[in-house]
Protein backbone atom coordinates (compact mmCIF):
# COMPACT_ATOMS: atom_id res chain seq x y z
CA MET A 1 0.09 0.02 0.13
CA ALA A 2 1.42 3.34 -1.03
CA ILE A 3 0.27 5.39 1.99
CA ASP A 4 3.03 5.67 4.27
CA PHE A 5 2.39 6.54 8.03
CA GLU A 6 4.81 7.43 10.69
CA VAL A 7 4.56 8.81 14.17
CA ALA A 8 7.33 10.49 16.12
CA ASP A 9 7.39 12.91 18.90
CA HIS A 10 3.48 13.38 18.82
CA ILE A 11 3.86 14.15 14.89
CA ALA A 12 2.25 11.86 12.36
CA THR A 13 3.56 12.03 8.91
CA ILE A 14 1.24 10.83 6.16
CA THR A 15 3.13 10.40 2.75
CA ILE A 16 1.27 9.60 -0.47
CA ASN A 17 3.82 7.36 -2.00
CA ARG A 18 3.01 6.85 -5.71
CA PRO A 19 5.33 9.05 -7.59
CA GLU A 20 5.10 7.18 -10.65
CA ARG A 21 1.33 8.26 -10.88
CA LEU A 22 2.20 11.79 -9.60
CA ASN A 23 0.67 10.57 -6.39
CA ALA A 24 -2.83 10.05 -7.84
CA LEU A 25 -5.06 8.07 -5.72
CA ASP A 26 -7.41 5.26 -6.80
CA GLN A 27 -10.04 3.64 -4.70
CA GLU A 28 -7.56 1.38 -2.81
CA HIS A 29 -5.37 4.30 -2.03
CA TYR A 30 -8.29 6.59 -0.92
CA GLU A 31 -9.48 3.89 1.59
CA ALA A 32 -5.82 3.54 3.02
CA LEU A 33 -5.61 7.43 3.24
CA SER A 34 -9.03 7.35 5.11
CA ARG A 35 -7.62 4.84 7.69
CA ALA A 36 -4.57 7.09 8.20
CA TRP A 37 -6.78 10.11 9.00
CA MET A 38 -8.86 8.14 11.43
CA GLU A 39 -5.60 7.09 13.15
CA VAL A 40 -4.60 10.78 13.42
CA ARG A 41 -8.21 11.59 14.79
CA ASP A 42 -8.34 8.75 17.29
CA ASN A 43 -4.65 8.23 18.52
CA PRO A 44 -4.17 10.31 21.58
CA GLU A 45 -0.39 10.21 21.10
CA ILE A 46 -0.69 12.29 18.01
CA ARG A 47 -1.15 15.94 18.43
CA VAL A 48 -0.38 17.28 14.82
CA ALA A 49 -0.16 15.77 11.37
CA ILE A 50 1.88 16.47 8.19
CA VAL A 51 0.75 15.32 4.71
CA THR A 52 3.13 15.25 1.77
CA GLY A 53 3.72 13.51 -1.42
CA ALA A 54 6.65 11.19 -2.43
CA GLY A 55 9.09 12.24 -5.04
CA GLU A 56 9.97 15.74 -6.56
CA ARG A 57 7.14 16.11 -8.95
CA ALA A 58 3.88 16.18 -7.34
CA PHE A 59 2.09 16.45 -3.79
CA SER A 60 -0.86 14.86 -5.43
CA ALA A 61 -2.73 14.94 -8.66
CA GLY A 62 -5.85 13.78 -7.04
CA ALA A 63 -7.96 10.81 -8.44
CA ASP A 64 -6.23 8.54 -10.65
CA LEU A 65 -8.64 9.06 -13.58
CA LYS A 66 -7.33 6.07 -15.58
CA THR A 67 -8.32 3.49 -13.09
CA TYR A 68 -10.83 5.24 -10.57
CA ASP A 69 -14.32 5.62 -11.77
CA PRO A 70 -16.61 6.98 -9.04
CA ALA A 71 -19.62 6.32 -11.49
CA SER A 72 -18.88 2.55 -11.02
CA ARG A 73 -19.81 2.53 -7.34
CA GLU A 74 -23.27 1.41 -6.13
CA TRP A 75 -25.81 4.04 -5.48
CA SER A 76 -26.32 2.81 -2.05
CA THR A 77 -22.94 4.31 -1.18
CA PHE A 78 -24.15 7.80 -1.79
CA TRP A 79 -25.89 7.61 1.59
CA THR A 80 -23.07 5.90 3.41
CA THR A 81 -21.60 9.43 4.05
CA GLN A 82 -18.97 8.39 6.79
CA ARG A 83 -17.74 5.35 4.84
CA ASP A 84 -13.95 5.77 3.88
CA ALA A 85 -14.22 9.31 5.08
CA LEU A 86 -11.37 11.79 4.23
CA LEU A 87 -10.02 14.90 5.67
CA ASN A 88 -11.57 16.78 2.75
CA ARG A 89 -14.72 14.65 2.71
CA GLY A 90 -16.09 15.65 5.97
CA LEU A 91 -14.05 13.74 8.51
CA GLU A 92 -13.67 15.81 11.52
CA VAL A 93 -10.02 15.97 12.46
CA TRP A 94 -9.44 18.76 15.09
CA LYS A 95 -5.65 18.11 15.35
CA PRO A 96 -3.95 20.60 13.09
CA VAL A 97 -2.66 19.20 9.88
CA ILE A 98 0.17 20.85 7.76
CA ALA A 99 0.58 20.36 4.14
CA ALA A 100 4.17 20.01 2.69
CA ILE A 101 3.52 20.70 -1.01
CA ASN A 102 6.41 19.28 -2.95
CA GLY A 103 5.11 19.64 -6.54
CA TYR A 104 1.74 19.63 -8.48
CA CYS A 105 -1.17 20.12 -6.25
CA VAL A 106 -4.09 19.73 -8.38
CA GLY A 107 -7.60 18.28 -8.33
CA GLY A 108 -8.01 16.19 -5.27
CA GLY A 109 -4.64 17.25 -4.27
CA LEU A 110 -5.86 20.79 -3.95
CA THR A 111 -9.08 19.86 -2.18
CA LEU A 112 -6.98 17.90 0.27
CA THR A 113 -4.85 21.02 0.82
CA LEU A 114 -7.86 23.19 1.34
CA ALA A 115 -8.75 21.02 4.26
CA THR A 116 -5.33 21.41 6.04
CA ASP A 117 -4.43 24.41 8.27
CA ILE A 118 -0.94 25.46 7.33
CA ARG A 119 0.48 24.96 3.97
CA VAL A 120 4.23 25.21 2.85
CA ALA A 121 5.07 24.59 -0.70
CA VAL A 122 8.29 24.55 -3.07
CA PRO A 123 8.87 27.13 -5.68
CA GLU A 124 7.98 24.52 -8.31
CA ALA A 125 4.55 23.82 -7.01
CA HIS A 126 1.62 24.50 -9.07
CA PHE A 127 -2.13 24.44 -7.90
CA GLY A 128 -5.20 23.99 -9.92
CA LEU A 129 -8.78 22.59 -10.08
CA SER A 130 -9.17 21.32 -13.56
CA GLU A 131 -12.28 19.19 -13.00
CA VAL A 132 -14.50 21.39 -15.34
CA LYS A 133 -12.14 20.39 -18.16
CA ARG A 134 -12.82 16.78 -17.58
CA GLY A 135 -16.74 17.07 -17.28
CA ILE A 136 -16.88 16.93 -13.54
CA ILE A 137 -16.81 19.32 -10.53
CA ALA A 138 -14.14 19.91 -7.82
CA ALA A 139 -15.83 17.80 -5.31
CA ASN A 140 -14.66 16.67 -1.80
CA GLY A 141 -14.89 20.26 -0.71
CA GLY A 142 -13.41 22.10 -3.68
CA THR A 143 -16.60 24.09 -4.42
CA GLN A 144 -17.19 24.59 -0.84
CA ARG A 145 -13.85 25.45 0.93
CA LEU A 146 -12.06 27.42 -1.77
CA ILE A 147 -14.81 30.17 -1.84
CA ARG A 148 -14.46 30.56 1.98
CA GLN A 149 -10.53 30.69 1.83
CA VAL A 150 -9.91 33.30 -1.00
CA PRO A 151 -11.81 36.25 -2.47
CA HIS A 152 -14.94 35.34 -4.53
CA ALA A 153 -13.54 36.36 -7.82
CA ILE A 154 -10.33 34.26 -7.26
CA ALA A 155 -12.29 31.11 -6.23
CA MET A 156 -14.61 31.46 -9.23
CA GLU A 157 -11.61 31.92 -11.55
CA MET A 158 -10.10 28.58 -10.34
CA LEU A 159 -13.42 26.67 -10.35
CA LEU A 160 -14.60 27.88 -13.78
CA CYS A 161 -11.50 28.22 -15.82
CA GLY A 162 -9.65 25.26 -14.49
CA ASP A 163 -6.15 26.56 -14.99
CA MET A 164 -3.15 26.22 -12.94
CA VAL A 165 -1.31 28.89 -11.07
CA ASP A 166 2.22 28.98 -9.69
CA ALA A 167 3.35 29.01 -6.10
CA GLU A 168 3.99 32.75 -6.13
CA THR A 169 0.41 33.42 -7.23
CA ALA A 170 -0.91 30.89 -4.70
CA LEU A 171 1.02 32.66 -1.93
CA ARG A 172 -0.28 36.06 -3.13
CA TRP A 173 -3.81 34.72 -3.11
CA GLY A 174 -3.45 33.36 0.35
CA LEU A 175 -3.84 29.55 -0.64
CA ILE A 176 -0.23 28.85 1.02
CA ASN A 177 1.61 30.23 4.05
CA ARG A 178 5.11 29.92 2.81
CA ILE A 179 7.37 29.04 0.00
CA VAL A 180 10.74 27.24 0.66
CA GLU A 181 13.36 25.45 -1.38
CA ALA A 182 12.61 21.68 -1.74
CA PRO A 183 15.54 20.64 0.49
CA ASP A 184 14.04 22.66 3.26
CA LEU A 185 10.42 21.62 2.75
CA MET A 186 9.99 19.03 5.33
CA ASP A 187 12.24 20.87 7.92
CA ALA A 188 9.77 23.69 7.48
CA ALA A 189 6.78 21.65 7.85
CA THR A 190 8.26 19.82 10.82
CA GLU A 191 9.34 23.14 12.60
CA TYR A 192 5.66 24.26 12.40
CA ALA A 193 4.35 20.87 13.62
CA ARG A 194 6.86 20.77 16.74
CA GLN A 195 5.78 24.34 17.61
CA ILE A 196 2.24 23.31 17.60
CA ALA A 197 2.92 19.83 19.44
CA ARG A 198 4.58 21.82 22.28
CA ASN A 199 1.42 23.67 23.07
CA ALA A 200 -1.34 22.33 25.14
CA PRO A 201 -3.08 19.73 22.81
CA LEU A 202 -6.76 20.28 24.04
CA ALA A 203 -6.49 23.99 23.77
CA VAL A 204 -5.10 23.59 20.25
CA GLN A 205 -7.81 21.31 19.22
CA ALA A 206 -10.46 23.43 20.68
CA SER A 207 -9.00 26.57 18.92
CA LYS A 208 -9.19 24.70 15.63
CA GLU A 209 -12.68 23.62 16.12
CA LEU A 210 -13.95 26.95 17.26
CA ALA A 211 -12.27 28.76 14.23
CA VAL A 212 -13.81 26.11 11.71
CA ARG A 213 -17.14 25.89 13.24
CA GLY A 214 -17.44 29.62 13.85
CA GLN A 215 -17.63 30.18 10.01
CA ASP A 216 -21.06 28.79 10.12
CA LEU A 217 -22.30 30.74 13.05
CA ASP A 218 -23.31 34.23 13.60
CA LEU A 219 -20.94 36.23 15.88
CA VAL A 220 -23.19 36.06 19.14
CA ALA A 221 -23.40 32.34 18.74
CA GLY A 222 -19.76 31.97 18.09
CA LEU A 223 -18.81 34.06 21.03
CA ARG A 224 -20.96 32.02 23.23
CA LEU A 225 -19.41 28.71 21.92
CA GLU A 226 -16.11 30.22 22.54
CA GLN A 227 -17.00 31.25 26.18
CA MET A 228 -18.20 27.65 26.92
CA SER A 229 -15.11 26.22 25.48
CA ALA A 230 -12.86 28.47 27.55
CA ARG A 231 -14.65 27.49 30.63
CA LEU A 232 -14.47 23.74 30.00
CA LEU A 233 -10.62 24.06 29.48
CA ARG A 234 -10.02 25.86 32.71
CA GLU A 235 -11.01 22.66 34.33
CA THR A 236 -8.24 20.67 32.61
CA ALA A 237 -4.84 19.69 34.14
CA ASP A 238 -2.97 21.42 31.16
CA ALA A 239 -4.79 24.74 32.11
CA LYS A 240 -3.19 24.49 35.61
CA GLU A 241 0.31 23.25 34.31
CA GLY A 242 0.55 26.17 31.83
CA PRO A 243 0.47 29.06 34.41
CA MET A 244 2.58 27.01 36.76
CA ALA A 245 5.28 26.41 34.24
CA PHE A 246 5.43 30.07 33.57
CA ALA A 247 5.63 31.14 37.12
CA GLU A 248 8.52 28.44 37.78
CA LYS A 249 10.20 29.71 34.58
CA ARG A 250 10.18 26.10 33.07
CA LEU A 251 8.67 24.57 29.98
CA PRO A 252 5.24 23.22 30.49
CA ASN A 253 4.56 19.52 30.42
CA PHE A 254 1.34 19.30 28.64
CA GLU A 255 -0.32 15.91 28.75
CA GLY A 256 -3.68 16.55 27.05
CA ARG A 257 -5.93 16.11 30.03
């Protein structure tokens, strides 16, 4: 199976390891990727995840159109909405996810990126949603997340024209956080991950969930949800450890409880 999964120092690294196919995904690989995301969600030892692609050409070209035919699936699967759930297909993963984009990031590769929280890319990376050129749409969140993350006109240009843009354009549009040279890509992503993993994991996860859910709430409801979460967190051991470590001038030992 060409989905590599490693965990070290509270950081999970998921590598789409199919460089001969530009890290494109067929049904078997989508299922393996789903299992990886559920492990990130459910394993309390994991505090943050990095997702990347193998090789030097592509992060992911999305669905392998030569072998993957969604139309061949039984209609009954349409209502099994949590079957083989993916990060960009509605799986709720409140642990932060960092994308290390090592090349072409198109189609499902870009919709996956849109479901991550922090994105680092090499100068050679290109981004695009070309589905309309194939008679389909940018599903798995493409039509929903992009319009919430970049200005309306930019989102519509990408969705309706289907052309690719380079890394500098993606940075200017706010699709990615940083551009780094290829040899430094994983170091940059790992530094983000380590910085996050040092923080209190419950507070980190609460912050992500509040920020994401708040997009669908009015301000009053969002503020109230924030107040409730803050009150709950004050009862945790980590909330006591943080101020104590500060007073004692030492690094906190957060345990996620």
